[in-house]
C-alpha cells in the first residue's frame, strides 16, 4: 500500500531484515528500523509513522510494553506487537496497552498483510465504525470493502468465493480480492444462503459461479477450490442434475 509509513522496532537484526523485506514486497514504506524503545519514541516524534510494529521483548531500558504505554498516552498511534511465544504473564501485561493486534514470530507475509490492513482500517474507523455486513442480505445487495485506503461498493452477485485469511475473510471476484473486517463464520451467517454455501472450513462459494466439479474439488473462474467431506452432501443437494 503506497504511502503507508511503518516504523519497525525490533532488536533482532535478522528478524527485522526479513520483516522489512516483506513490508517492501507488500508495497509499504519502512520509515525506519530501530532496536530500542528510546529510539522508537525519538523516531515517532520526528517522523510521525502511520503504524508501528513493536517487539514486546526489547533489550533496552524500555521494554516493548513500556514503550507501547507511552505511544498510547502521548502519540495515539496504532501499534502491533511482535512476539515470540511469550508467557501468559507478559501477554496479560501487553493486553493492558490495547494493541491493535499481535504477530507471532516468524511472521508469514500473508499474516503480515492481513493484520496491517485490518489495523489501518480499524485505526481510521475508531471514531465512526462502519459495519461491513448488515442483516438480511440478498444476492442483489452490495457491501462495502476496503481497498486502496478507501471503502468501495461491491455487489454480492460479483463475488465468486470467500476464503479465510487468518481470523478475517477475503472476498474474491473476477477483478480482485478484498479483505473484510470479519470472520468467515460471520460471512456464512450474513450472506444469502440460497446463493452462498460453505464447501470447506476455509471456503464459501457462490454456487451460481461453479463451473465444474471433479472428485473433491470444484472450479470457479479456473480456480480449484477444495470440497470438505462434511460439506459435500449439502453442496450436491444445491445443484441441479440431468
C-alpha atoms as a PDB file:
ATOM      1  CA  UNK A   1       0.000   0.000   0.000  1.00  0.00           C
ATOM      2  CA  UNK A   2       1.838   3.051  -1.273  1.00  0.00           C
ATOM      3  CA  UNK A   3       2.201   5.947   1.145  1.00  0.00           C
ATOM      4  CA  UNK A   4       1.778   3.978   4.384  1.00  0.00           C
ATOM      5  CA  UNK A   5       4.823   4.599   6.593  1.00  0.00           C
ATOM      6  CA  UNK A   6       5.742   1.914   9.119  1.00  0.00           C
ATOM      7  CA  UNK A   7       8.223   2.115  11.974  1.00  0.00           C
ATOM      8  CA  UNK A   8       9.764  -1.259  12.840  1.00  0.00           C
ATOM      9  CA  UNK A   9      11.006  -1.671  16.424  1.00  0.00           C
ATOM     10  CA  UNK A  10      12.867  -4.997  16.666  1.00  0.00           C
ATOM     11  CA  UNK A  11      16.208  -5.772  18.328  1.00  0.00           C
ATOM     12  CA  UNK A  12      16.867  -8.987  16.382  1.00  0.00           C
ATOM     13  CA  UNK A  13      18.604  -7.826  13.185  1.00  0.00           C
ATOM     14  CA  UNK A  14      17.811 -10.958  11.176  1.00  0.00           C
ATOM     15  CA  UNK A  15      14.104 -10.887  12.030  1.00  0.00           C
ATOM     16  CA  UNK A  16      13.979  -7.152  11.341  1.00  0.00           C
ATOM     17  CA  UNK A  17      15.574  -7.666   7.915  1.00  0.00           C
ATOM     18  CA  UNK A  18      13.060 -10.378   6.993  1.00  0.00           C
ATOM     19  CA  UNK A  19      10.096  -8.264   8.079  1.00  0.00           C
ATOM     20  CA  UNK A  20      11.463  -5.185   6.290  1.00  0.00           C
ATOM     21  CA  UNK A  21      11.800  -7.123   3.026  1.00  0.00           C
ATOM     22  CA  UNK A  22       8.253  -8.460   3.384  1.00  0.00           C
ATOM     23  CA  UNK A  23       6.907  -4.960   4.006  1.00  0.00           C
ATOM     24  CA  UNK A  24       8.680  -3.649   0.909  1.00  0.00           C
ATOM     25  CA  UNK A  25       7.292  -6.555  -1.152  1.00  0.00           C
ATOM     26  CA  UNK A  26       3.787  -5.674   0.051  1.00  0.00           C
ATOM     27  CA  UNK A  27       4.235  -2.051  -1.012  1.00  0.00           C
ATOM     28  CA  UNK A  28       4.605  -0.442   2.414  1.00  0.00           C
ATOM     29  CA  UNK A  29       7.292   2.107   3.262  1.00  0.00           C
ATOM     30  CA  UNK A  30       9.603   1.174   6.124  1.00  0.00           C
ATOM     31  CA  UNK A  31      10.198   4.577   7.670  1.00  0.00           C
ATOM     32  CA  UNK A  32      12.987   3.252   9.870  1.00  0.00           C
ATOM     33  CA  UNK A  33      14.180   0.201  11.796  1.00  0.00           C
ATOM     34  CA  UNK A  34      15.240   0.866  15.379  1.00  0.00           C
ATOM     35  CA  UNK A  35      16.278  -1.540  18.112  1.00  0.00           C
ATOM     36  CA  UNK A  36      15.127   0.161  21.318  1.00  0.00           C
ATOM     37  CA  UNK A  37      12.079   1.806  22.781  1.00  0.00           C
ATOM     38  CA  UNK A  38      14.024   5.002  23.365  1.00  0.00           C
ATOM     39  CA  UNK A  39      14.984   5.270  19.684  1.00  0.00           C
ATOM     40  CA  UNK A  40      11.422   4.397  18.677  1.00  0.00           C
ATOM     41  CA  UNK A  41       9.992   7.310  20.644  1.00  0.00           C
ATOM     42  CA  UNK A  42      12.515   9.684  19.046  1.00  0.00           C
ATOM     43  CA  UNK A  43      11.582   8.495  15.525  1.00  0.00           C
ATOM     44  CA  UNK A  44       7.874   8.787  16.294  1.00  0.00           C
ATOM     45  CA  UNK A  45       8.306  12.399  17.408  1.00  0.00           C
ATOM     46  CA  UNK A  46      10.434  13.237  14.364  1.00  0.00           C
ATOM     47  CA  UNK A  47       8.711  11.401  11.526  1.00  0.00           C
ATOM     48  CA  UNK A  48       5.136  10.526  12.561  1.00  0.00           C
ATOM     49  CA  UNK A  49       4.688   6.987  11.205  1.00  0.00           C
ATOM     50  CA  UNK A  50       1.248   5.666  10.275  1.00  0.00           C
ATOM     51  CA  UNK A  51       1.821   2.373  12.097  1.00  0.00           C
ATOM     52  CA  UNK A  52       4.351   0.821  14.480  1.00  0.00           C
ATOM     53  CA  UNK A  53       5.442  -2.812  14.570  1.00  0.00           C
ATOM     54  CA  UNK A  54       6.756  -3.217  18.102  1.00  0.00           C
ATOM     55  CA  UNK A  55       8.638  -6.142  19.595  1.00  0.00           C
ATOM     56  CA  UNK A  56       7.444  -6.981  23.119  1.00  0.00           C
ATOM     57  CA  UNK A  57      10.844  -8.261  24.244  1.00  0.00           C
ATOM     58  CA  UNK A  58      13.131  -5.287  23.584  1.00  0.00           C
ATOM     59  CA  UNK A  59      16.508  -5.371  25.293  1.00  0.00           C
ATOM     60  CA  UNK A  60      16.871  -1.629  26.021  1.00  0.00           C
ATOM     61  CA  UNK A  61      15.919   0.203  29.184  1.00  0.00           C
ATOM     62  CA  UNK A  62      12.330   0.469  27.961  1.00  0.00           C
ATOM     63  CA  UNK A  63      10.540  -2.793  27.301  1.00  0.00           C
ATOM     64  CA  UNK A  64       8.154  -3.090  24.382  1.00  0.00           C
ATOM     65  CA  UNK A  65       5.220  -2.890  26.772  1.00  0.00           C
ATOM     66  CA  UNK A  66       6.547   0.272  28.434  1.00  0.00           C
ATOM     67  CA  UNK A  67       7.165   1.793  25.009  1.00  0.00           C
ATOM     68  CA  UNK A  68       3.613   0.918  23.979  1.00  0.00           C
ATOM     69  CA  UNK A  69       2.214   2.631  27.075  1.00  0.00           C
ATOM     70  CA  UNK A  70       3.999   5.862  26.108  1.00  0.00           C
ATOM     71  CA  UNK A  71       2.879   5.582  22.473  1.00  0.00           C
ATOM     72  CA  UNK A  72      -0.718   5.143  23.576  1.00  0.00           C
ATOM     73  CA  UNK A  73      -0.620   8.021  26.070  1.00  0.00           C
ATOM     74  CA  UNK A  74       1.386  10.601  24.140  1.00  0.00           C
ATOM     75  CA  UNK A  75       1.129   9.804  20.433  1.00  0.00           C
ATOM     76  CA  UNK A  76      -2.156   7.923  19.896  1.00  0.00           C
ATOM     77  CA  UNK A  77      -0.745   5.876  17.015  1.00  0.00           C
ATOM     78  CA  UNK A  78      -1.766   2.317  16.109  1.00  0.00           C
ATOM     79  CA  UNK A  79       0.756  -0.367  17.008  1.00  0.00           C
ATOM     80  CA  UNK A  80       1.033  -4.117  16.529  1.00  0.00           C
ATOM     81  CA  UNK A  81       3.052  -6.240  18.919  1.00  0.00           C
ATOM     82  CA  UNK A  82       5.665  -8.640  17.587  1.00  0.00           C
ATOM     83  CA  UNK A  83       6.204 -11.567  19.908  1.00  0.00           C
ATOM     84  CA  UNK A  84       7.750 -14.990  20.212  1.00  0.00           C
ATOM     85  CA  UNK A  85       5.916 -17.499  22.406  1.00  0.00           C
ATOM     86  CA  UNK A  86       5.599 -15.181  25.413  1.00  0.00           C
ATOM     87  CA  UNK A  87       4.425 -16.381  28.825  1.00  0.00           C
ATOM     88  CA  UNK A  88       0.885 -15.667  29.967  1.00  0.00           C
ATOM     89  CA  UNK A  89       2.006 -13.004  32.453  1.00  0.00           C
ATOM     90  CA  UNK A  90       3.699 -10.988  29.687  1.00  0.00           C
ATOM     91  CA  UNK A  91       0.672 -11.299  27.411  1.00  0.00           C
ATOM     92  CA  UNK A  92      -1.626 -10.120  30.198  1.00  0.00           C
ATOM     93  CA  UNK A  93       0.541  -7.020  30.689  1.00  0.00           C
ATOM     94  CA  UNK A  94       0.666  -6.426  26.934  1.00  0.00           C
ATOM     95  CA  UNK A  95      -3.132  -6.586  26.682  1.00  0.00           C
ATOM     96  CA  UNK A  96      -3.461  -3.615  29.018  1.00  0.00           C
ATOM     97  CA  UNK A  97      -1.822  -1.372  26.414  1.00  0.00           C
ATOM     98  CA  UNK A  98      -4.614  -2.288  23.958  1.00  0.00           C
ATOM     99  CA  UNK A  99      -2.547  -3.184  20.875  1.00  0.00           C
ATOM    100  CA  UNK A 100      -4.405  -3.474  17.603  1.00  0.00           C
ATOM    101  CA  UNK A 101      -3.036  -6.987  17.048  1.00  0.00           C
ATOM    102  CA  UNK A 102      -0.259  -9.487  17.780  1.00  0.00           C
ATOM    103  CA  UNK A 103       2.081 -11.044  15.239  1.00  0.00           C
ATOM    104  CA  UNK A 104       3.905 -14.205  16.284  1.00  0.00           C
ATOM    105  CA  UNK A 105       7.477 -14.547  15.006  1.00  0.00           C
ATOM    106  CA  UNK A 106       8.471 -15.786  12.495  1.00  0.00           C
ATOM    107  CA  UNK A 107       5.887 -13.711  10.648  1.00  0.00           C
ATOM    108  CA  UNK A 108       4.273 -15.076   7.484  1.00  0.00           C
ATOM    109  CA  UNK A 109       3.863 -12.486   4.742  1.00  0.00           C
ATOM    110  CA  UNK A 110       0.147 -13.286   4.290  1.00  0.00           C
ATOM    111  CA  UNK A 111      -0.467 -12.784   8.009  1.00  0.00           C
ATOM    112  CA  UNK A 112       1.574  -9.586   7.982  1.00  0.00           C
ATOM    113  CA  UNK A 113      -0.502  -8.147   5.146  1.00  0.00           C
ATOM    114  CA  UNK A 114      -3.917  -9.018   6.547  1.00  0.00           C
ATOM    115  CA  UNK A 115      -3.034  -7.822  10.048  1.00  0.00           C
ATOM    116  CA  UNK A 116      -1.729  -4.467   8.814  1.00  0.00           C
ATOM    117  CA  UNK A 117      -4.724  -3.929   6.532  1.00  0.00           C
ATOM    118  CA  UNK A 118      -7.217  -4.584   9.309  1.00  0.00           C
ATOM    119  CA  UNK A 119      -5.240  -2.471  11.776  1.00  0.00           C
ATOM    120  CA  UNK A 120      -5.139   0.513   9.426  1.00  0.00           C
ATOM    121  CA  UNK A 121      -8.842   0.199   8.727  1.00  0.00           C
ATOM    122  CA  UNK A 122      -9.744  -0.072  12.410  1.00  0.00           C
ATOM    123  CA  UNK A 123      -7.491   2.848  13.290  1.00  0.00           C
ATOM    124  CA  UNK A 124      -9.222   5.017  10.695  1.00  0.00           C
ATOM    125  CA  UNK A 125     -12.684   3.937  11.780  1.00  0.00           C
ATOM    126  CA  UNK A 126     -12.346   4.006  15.587  1.00  0.00           C
ATOM    127  CA  UNK A 127     -14.499   7.112  15.906  1.00  0.00           C
ATOM    128  CA  UNK A 128     -17.096   6.122  13.344  1.00  0.00           C
ATOM    129  CA  UNK A 129     -17.185   2.399  12.691  1.00  0.00           C
ATOM    130  CA  UNK A 130     -18.909   1.325   9.507  1.00  0.00           C
ATOM    131  CA  UNK A 131     -20.338  -2.202   9.737  1.00  0.00           C
ATOM    132  CA  UNK A 132     -19.452  -4.376   6.767  1.00  0.00           C
ATOM    133  CA  UNK A 133     -22.356  -6.784   6.936  1.00  0.00           C
ATOM    134  CA  UNK A 134     -25.975  -5.969   7.652  1.00  0.00           C
ATOM    135  CA  UNK A 135     -28.756  -8.399   8.427  1.00  0.00           C
ATOM    136  CA  UNK A 136     -30.857  -9.978   5.685  1.00  0.00           C
ATOM    137  CA  UNK A 137     -28.541  -9.608   2.682  1.00  0.00           C
ATOM    138  CA  UNK A 138     -29.747 -10.818  -0.700  1.00  0.00           C
ATOM    139  CA  UNK A 139     -27.729 -11.697  -3.785  1.00  0.00           C
ATOM    140  CA  UNK A 140     -28.629  -8.303  -5.301  1.00  0.00           C
ATOM    141  CA  UNK A 141     -27.353  -6.344  -2.302  1.00  0.00           C
ATOM    142  CA  UNK A 142     -23.965  -4.663  -2.044  1.00  0.00           C
ATOM    143  CA  UNK A 143     -21.375  -4.481   0.710  1.00  0.00           C
ATOM    144  CA  UNK A 144     -18.507  -2.075   1.264  1.00  0.00           C
ATOM    145  CA  UNK A 145     -14.984  -3.452   1.080  1.00  0.00           C
ATOM    146  CA  UNK A 146     -11.620  -1.925   1.954  1.00  0.00           C
ATOM    147  CA  UNK A 147      -9.295  -1.281  -0.984  1.00  0.00           C
ATOM    148  CA  UNK A 148      -6.560   1.277  -1.688  1.00  0.00           C
ATOM    149  CA  UNK A 149      -7.240   3.150   1.528  1.00  0.00           C
ATOM    150  CA  UNK A 150     -10.951   3.665   0.949  1.00  0.00           C
ATOM    151  CA  UNK A 151     -14.300   1.848   1.067  1.00  0.00           C
ATOM    152  CA  UNK A 152     -15.775   0.727  -2.254  1.00  0.00           C
ATOM    153  CA  UNK A 153     -19.160  -0.755  -3.012  1.00  0.00           C
ATOM    154  CA  UNK A 154     -19.150  -4.372  -4.189  1.00  0.00           C
ATOM    155  CA  UNK A 155     -22.238  -6.132  -5.491  1.00  0.00           C
ATOM    156  CA  UNK A 156     -22.721  -9.570  -3.951  1.00  0.00           C
ATOM    157  CA  UNK A 157     -23.509 -11.061  -7.356  1.00  0.00           C
ATOM    158  CA  UNK A 158     -19.918 -10.204  -8.350  1.00  0.00           C
ATOM    159  CA  UNK A 159     -18.476 -12.375  -5.575  1.00  0.00           C
ATOM    160  CA  UNK A 160     -17.037 -15.681  -6.770  1.00  0.00           C
ATOM    161  CA  UNK A 161     -15.979 -17.084  -3.412  1.00  0.00           C
ATOM    162  CA  UNK A 162     -14.882 -16.027   0.072  1.00  0.00           C
ATOM    163  CA  UNK A 163     -11.864 -17.581   1.762  1.00  0.00           C
ATOM    164  CA  UNK A 164     -10.491 -17.479   5.283  1.00  0.00           C
ATOM    165  CA  UNK A 165      -7.457 -15.264   5.866  1.00  0.00           C
ATOM    166  CA  UNK A 166      -6.381 -15.876   9.452  1.00  0.00           C
ATOM    167  CA  UNK A 167      -9.285 -14.556  11.560  1.00  0.00           C
ATOM    168  CA  UNK A 168     -10.612 -12.438   8.691  1.00  0.00           C
ATOM    169  CA  UNK A 169     -12.297 -13.132   5.351  1.00  0.00           C
ATOM    170  CA  UNK A 170     -11.031 -12.453   1.834  1.00  0.00           C
ATOM    171  CA  UNK A 171     -13.715 -11.748  -0.786  1.00  0.00           C
ATOM    172  CA  UNK A 172     -12.671 -12.893  -4.264  1.00  0.00           C
ATOM    173  CA  UNK A 173     -14.090 -11.505  -7.508  1.00  0.00           C
ATOM    174  CA  UNK A 174     -13.038 -11.714 -11.140  1.00  0.00           C
ATOM    175  CA  UNK A 175     -11.275  -8.360 -10.775  1.00  0.00           C
ATOM    176  CA  UNK A 176      -9.507  -8.766  -7.428  1.00  0.00           C
ATOM    177  CA  UNK A 177      -9.544  -9.711  -3.745  1.00  0.00           C
ATOM    178  CA  UNK A 178     -10.790  -7.616  -0.835  1.00  0.00           C
ATOM    179  CA  UNK A 179     -10.280  -8.056   2.888  1.00  0.00           C
ATOM    180  CA  UNK A 180     -13.313  -7.956   5.182  1.00  0.00           C
ATOM    181  CA  UNK A 181     -13.064  -6.908   8.801  1.00  0.00           C
ATOM    182  CA  UNK A 182     -14.947 -10.022   9.886  1.00  0.00           C
ATOM    183  CA  UNK A 183     -14.613 -13.791  10.122  1.00  0.00           C
ATOM    184  CA  UNK A 184     -15.627 -16.427   7.597  1.00  0.00           C
ATOM    185  CA  UNK A 185     -18.264 -17.606  10.077  1.00  0.00           C
ATOM    186  CA  UNK A 186     -19.839 -14.121  10.089  1.00  0.00           C
ATOM    187  CA  UNK A 187     -19.883 -14.117   6.280  1.00  0.00           C
ATOM    188  CA  UNK A 188     -21.604 -17.502   6.284  1.00  0.00           C
ATOM    189  CA  UNK A 189     -24.222 -16.162   8.674  1.00  0.00           C
ATOM    190  CA  UNK A 190     -24.936 -12.911   6.791  1.00  0.00           C
ATOM    191  CA  UNK A 191     -24.512 -13.795   3.107  1.00  0.00           C
ATOM    192  CA  UNK A 192     -27.683 -15.160   1.437  1.00  0.00           C
ATOM    193  CA  UNK A 193     -27.723 -18.935   1.967  1.00  0.00           C
ATOM    194  CA  UNK A 194     -29.602 -19.605  -1.265  1.00  0.00           C
ATOM    195  CA  UNK A 195     -26.560 -18.443  -3.236  1.00  0.00           C
ATOM    196  CA  UNK A 196     -23.563 -18.779  -0.919  1.00  0.00           C
ATOM    197  CA  UNK A 197     -22.587 -22.119   0.541  1.00  0.00           C
ATOM    198  CA  UNK A 198     -19.708 -23.249   2.723  1.00  0.00           C
ATOM    199  CA  UNK A 199     -17.888 -26.070   0.930  1.00  0.00           C
ATOM    200  CA  UNK A 200     -14.783 -26.274   3.101  1.00  0.00           C
ATOM    201  CA  UNK A 201     -13.713 -24.975   6.502  1.00  0.00           C
ATOM    202  CA  UNK A 202     -11.817 -22.217   4.664  1.00  0.00           C
ATOM    203  CA  UNK A 203     -14.150 -21.507   1.701  1.00  0.00           C
ATOM    204  CA  UNK A 204     -17.628 -20.224   0.955  1.00  0.00           C
ATOM    205  CA  UNK A 205     -18.606 -20.209  -2.714  1.00  0.00           C
ATOM    206  CA  UNK A 206     -21.231 -18.544  -4.848  1.00  0.00           C
ATOM    207  CA  UNK A 207     -22.977 -21.665  -6.152  1.00  0.00           C
ATOM    208  CA  UNK A 208     -24.133 -19.737  -9.223  1.00  0.00           C
ATOM    209  CA  UNK A 209     -20.500 -19.330 -10.267  1.00  0.00           C
ATOM    210  CA  UNK A 210     -19.479 -23.014 -10.091  1.00  0.00           C
ATOM    211  CA  UNK A 211     -18.200 -24.143 -13.486  1.00  0.00           C
ATOM    212  CA  UNK A 212     -17.345 -27.778 -12.769  1.00  0.00           C
ATOM    213  CA  UNK A 213     -16.924 -30.366 -10.017  1.00  0.00           C
ATOM    214  CA  UNK A 214     -14.244 -33.032 -10.053  1.00  0.00           C
ATOM    215  CA  UNK A 215     -13.966 -35.509  -7.167  1.00  0.00           C
ATOM    216  CA  UNK A 216     -13.218 -33.369  -4.095  1.00  0.00           C
ATOM    217  CA  UNK A 217     -12.715 -30.065  -5.912  1.00  0.00           C
ATOM    218  CA  UNK A 218     -14.855 -27.505  -7.681  1.00  0.00           C
ATOM    219  CA  UNK A 219     -13.841 -24.903 -10.237  1.00  0.00           C
ATOM    220  CA  UNK A 220     -14.724 -21.210 -10.306  1.00  0.00           C
ATOM    221  CA  UNK A 221     -13.019 -18.848 -12.723  1.00  0.00           C
ATOM    222  CA  UNK A 222     -10.381 -21.571 -13.366  1.00  0.00           C
ATOM    223  CA  UNK A 223      -9.572 -21.679  -9.650  1.00  0.00           C
ATOM    224  CA  UNK A 224      -9.560 -25.049  -7.864  1.00  0.00           C
ATOM    225  CA  UNK A 225     -11.414 -24.946  -4.540  1.00  0.00           C
ATOM    226  CA  UNK A 226     -11.394 -27.959  -2.204  1.00  0.00           C
ATOM    227  CA  UNK A 227     -14.638 -29.572  -1.057  1.00  0.00           C
ATOM    228  CA  UNK A 228     -14.634 -30.815   2.530  1.00  0.00           C
ATOM    229  CA  UNK A 229     -16.181 -34.205   3.223  1.00  0.00           C
ATOM    230  CA  UNK A 230     -18.644 -32.796   5.741  1.00  0.00           C
ATOM    231  CA  UNK A 231     -19.886 -30.194   3.243  1.00  0.00           C
ATOM    232  CA  UNK A 232     -20.165 -32.278   0.064  1.00  0.00           C
ATOM    233  CA  UNK A 233     -23.678 -33.659   0.545  1.00  0.00           C
ATOM    234  CA  UNK A 234     -25.146 -30.224   1.162  1.00  0.00           C
ATOM    235  CA  UNK A 235     -23.366 -28.866  -1.895  1.00  0.00           C
ATOM    236  CA  UNK A 236     -24.643 -31.633  -4.142  1.00  0.00           C
ATOM    237  CA  UNK A 237     -28.190 -31.110  -2.886  1.00  0.00           C
ATOM    238  CA  UNK A 238     -27.986 -27.490  -4.059  1.00  0.00           C
ATOM    239  CA  UNK A 239     -27.138 -28.436  -7.654  1.00  0.00           C
ATOM    240  CA  UNK A 240     -29.426 -29.496 -10.478  1.00  0.00           C
ATOM    241  CA  UNK A 241     -28.673 -32.659 -12.426  1.00  0.00           C
ATOM    242  CA  UNK A 242     -29.975 -34.183 -15.667  1.00  0.00           C
END
